[in-house]
Amino acid sequence: MNQSIIDSKVAVVNEVKEKFESSSSAVVVEYRGLSVKEVTELRRALLKEGIDFKVYKNSMVERAANDLGYSDLAESLKGPNAFAFSKDAVAPARVLAKFAKKNDLLVLKGGVVEGKVVDVTTIKTLASLPGREGMISMILGMLQSPVRKFAYAISQVAEQKQA
């Protein structure tokens, strides 16, 4: 094999390894049968959330995954796959699962979340969680509730004393 071909393959494996290492989650999907329009729509939805969506050869991803200790990911690497990488652990699963509900041809296969290889069930469970902003608003709501109740109680006591 030509040395330049080997070098290019090593570069791809290193790129995939870097993406796995710098991402909180990576989701593997099969996109067979999607039209160009549908793939473009999916890419736009993913880009809007800051998710990197790329197609790599399965053999290159398998080498990178094995180097990083994700050898169980090999089960998901059959057929034409695309990979969604994100620093947000929930976003890729949420966006891809939402798109898969509308388009049966997009198949969730598995992935890596926070350094652990996960199956489709875990990906779908992650997809049901709210996004980062949703979680922050839930926490703020929980923190504001006791303060609001306390303020209401004080206002009631003040009204009783005035009466």
Protein backbone atom coordinates (compact mmCIF):
# COMPACT_ATOMS: atom_id res chain seq x y z
CA MET A 1 0.00 0.00 0.00
CA ASN A 2 1.20 3.47 -0.82
CA GLN A 3 2.62 5.42 2.14
CA SER A 4 0.44 8.45 1.38
CA ILE A 5 -2.69 6.27 1.62
CA ILE A 6 -1.53 4.87 4.96
CA ASP A 7 -0.79 8.37 6.23
CA SER A 8 -4.25 9.59 5.21
CA LYS A 9 -5.89 6.66 6.99
CA VAL A 10 -3.86 7.30 10.14
CA ALA A 11 -4.94 10.95 9.98
CA VAL A 12 -8.61 9.93 9.77
CA VAL A 13 -8.25 7.54 12.72
CA ASN A 14 -6.57 10.28 14.75
CA GLU A 15 -9.34 12.74 13.81
CA VAL A 16 -12.01 10.29 14.98
CA LYS A 17 -10.11 9.63 18.21
CA GLU A 18 -9.88 13.36 18.87
CA LYS A 19 -13.63 13.75 18.27
CA PHE A 20 -14.41 10.92 20.71
CA GLU A 21 -12.08 12.39 23.34
CA SER A 22 -13.38 15.96 23.04
CA SER A 23 -17.07 14.99 23.00
CA SER A 24 -19.39 14.11 25.87
CA SER A 25 -21.43 11.99 23.52
CA ALA A 26 -21.22 10.39 20.12
CA VAL A 27 -24.22 8.73 18.49
CA VAL A 28 -24.11 6.25 15.60
CA VAL A 29 -26.99 6.33 13.11
CA GLU A 30 -27.73 4.51 9.89
CA TYR A 31 -28.92 6.89 7.20
CA ARG A 32 -29.56 4.43 4.34
CA GLY A 33 -32.43 5.58 2.13
CA LEU A 34 -32.62 9.21 3.26
CA SER A 35 -32.91 11.73 0.44
CA VAL A 36 -30.45 14.59 0.07
CA LYS A 37 -33.19 16.97 1.23
CA GLU A 38 -33.77 14.93 4.41
CA VAL A 39 -30.05 14.67 5.19
CA THR A 40 -29.69 18.43 4.68
CA GLU A 41 -32.62 19.04 7.04
CA LEU A 42 -31.02 16.72 9.62
CA ARG A 43 -27.63 18.43 9.29
CA ARG A 44 -29.25 21.85 9.82
CA ALA A 45 -31.06 20.65 12.95
CA LEU A 46 -27.82 19.20 14.33
CA LEU A 47 -25.76 22.26 13.44
CA LYS A 48 -28.29 24.48 15.20
CA GLU A 49 -27.51 22.55 18.43
CA GLY A 50 -23.74 22.68 17.85
CA ILE A 51 -23.47 19.00 16.95
CA ASP A 52 -20.81 17.81 14.51
CA PHE A 53 -22.29 15.26 12.05
CA LYS A 54 -19.92 13.33 9.85
CA VAL A 55 -19.64 10.16 7.80
CA TYR A 56 -16.53 8.03 8.31
CA LYS A 57 -15.58 4.59 7.10
CA ASN A 58 -16.63 2.04 9.72
CA SER A 59 -13.16 0.48 9.74
CA MET A 60 -11.57 3.83 10.65
CA VAL A 61 -14.06 4.42 13.48
CA GLU A 62 -13.58 0.87 14.72
CA ARG A 63 -9.80 1.35 14.92
CA ALA A 64 -10.21 4.64 16.78
CA ALA A 65 -12.80 3.12 19.12
CA ASN A 66 -10.59 0.12 19.87
CA ASP A 67 -7.64 2.41 20.62
CA LEU A 68 -9.81 4.29 23.15
CA GLY A 69 -11.26 1.15 24.76
CA TYR A 70 -14.69 1.35 23.09
CA SER A 71 -14.44 -2.07 21.42
CA ASP A 72 -18.15 -2.79 22.16
CA LEU A 73 -19.04 -0.05 19.66
CA ALA A 74 -18.07 -2.43 16.83
CA GLU A 75 -21.55 -4.02 17.04
CA SER A 76 -23.07 -0.73 15.83
CA LEU A 77 -20.64 -0.32 12.93
CA LYS A 78 -22.44 -2.27 10.23
CA GLY A 79 -23.86 -0.63 7.11
CA PRO A 80 -23.68 3.02 6.05
CA ASN A 81 -23.30 5.00 9.26
CA ALA A 82 -22.98 8.62 10.26
CA PHE A 83 -21.66 9.90 13.57
CA ALA A 84 -22.91 12.83 15.65
CA PHE A 85 -20.41 14.30 18.14
CA SER A 86 -21.23 16.89 20.79
CA LYS A 87 -19.95 18.38 24.01
CA ASP A 88 -23.56 18.17 25.30
CA ALA A 89 -24.29 14.62 26.42
CA VAL A 90 -28.01 14.79 25.61
CA ALA A 91 -28.30 16.97 22.48
CA PRO A 92 -27.32 14.44 19.76
CA ALA A 93 -29.65 11.78 21.12
CA ARG A 94 -32.52 14.27 21.43
CA VAL A 95 -32.16 15.76 17.93
CA LEU A 96 -31.56 12.41 16.19
CA ALA A 97 -34.43 10.65 18.02
CA LYS A 98 -36.81 13.51 17.14
CA PHE A 99 -35.77 13.29 13.49
CA ALA A 100 -36.04 9.47 13.53
CA LYS A 101 -39.67 9.73 14.68
CA LYS A 102 -40.51 11.65 11.51
CA ASN A 103 -38.22 9.60 9.22
CA ASP A 104 -38.26 5.84 9.71
CA LEU A 105 -35.18 5.48 7.50
CA LEU A 106 -32.91 7.06 10.13
CA VAL A 107 -31.98 4.27 12.55
CA LEU A 108 -30.34 4.92 15.91
CA LYS A 109 -27.73 2.24 16.58
CA GLY A 110 -25.77 3.15 19.69
CA GLY A 111 -22.97 5.39 20.78
CA VAL A 112 -20.59 6.58 23.46
CA VAL A 113 -21.81 8.80 26.30
CA GLU A 114 -19.43 10.16 28.94
CA GLY A 115 -16.82 7.54 28.02
CA LYS A 116 -19.15 4.52 28.10
CA VAL A 117 -20.48 2.57 25.14
CA VAL A 118 -24.29 2.62 25.22
CA ASP A 119 -27.03 0.84 23.30
CA VAL A 120 -30.10 2.16 21.48
CA THR A 121 -32.29 1.96 24.59
CA THR A 122 -29.95 4.28 26.49
CA ILE A 123 -29.82 6.68 23.54
CA LYS A 124 -33.64 6.82 23.46
CA THR A 125 -33.74 7.37 27.23
CA LEU A 126 -31.28 10.25 26.89
CA ALA A 127 -33.42 11.68 24.10
CA SER A 128 -36.35 12.00 26.50
CA LEU A 129 -34.36 14.23 28.88
CA PRO A 130 -34.73 17.99 28.55
CA GLY A 131 -31.90 20.01 27.04
CA ARG A 132 -29.40 22.06 28.99
CA GLU A 133 -31.64 25.14 29.10
CA GLY A 134 -34.61 23.03 30.18
CA MET A 135 -32.63 21.50 33.04
CA ILE A 136 -31.39 24.92 34.17
CA SER A 137 -34.92 26.32 34.19
CA MET A 138 -36.12 23.29 36.20
CA ILE A 139 -33.39 23.85 38.79
CA LEU A 140 -34.17 27.57 38.98
CA GLY A 141 -37.84 26.76 39.45
CA MET A 142 -36.97 24.40 42.30
CA LEU A 143 -34.79 27.04 43.94
CA GLN A 144 -37.38 29.81 43.57
CA SER A 145 -40.29 27.78 44.95
CA PRO A 146 -39.27 27.89 48.67
CA VAL A 147 -38.44 31.60 48.43
CA ARG A 148 -41.81 32.32 46.80
CA LYS A 149 -43.66 30.34 49.49
CA PHE A 150 -41.74 32.11 52.25
CA ALA A 151 -42.53 35.54 50.74
CA TYR A 152 -46.20 34.58 50.46
CA ALA A 153 -46.29 33.46 54.11
CA ILE A 154 -44.70 36.73 55.27
CA SER A 155 -47.19 38.77 53.22
CA GLN A 156 -50.08 36.84 54.79
CA VAL A 157 -48.73 37.48 58.30
CA ALA A 158 -48.35 41.19 57.46
CA GLU A 159 -51.92 41.36 56.17
CA GLN A 160 -53.26 39.69 59.34
CA LYS A 161 -51.39 42.14 61.58
CA GLN A 162 -52.79 45.10 59.61
CA ALA A 163 -56.32 43.79 60.00
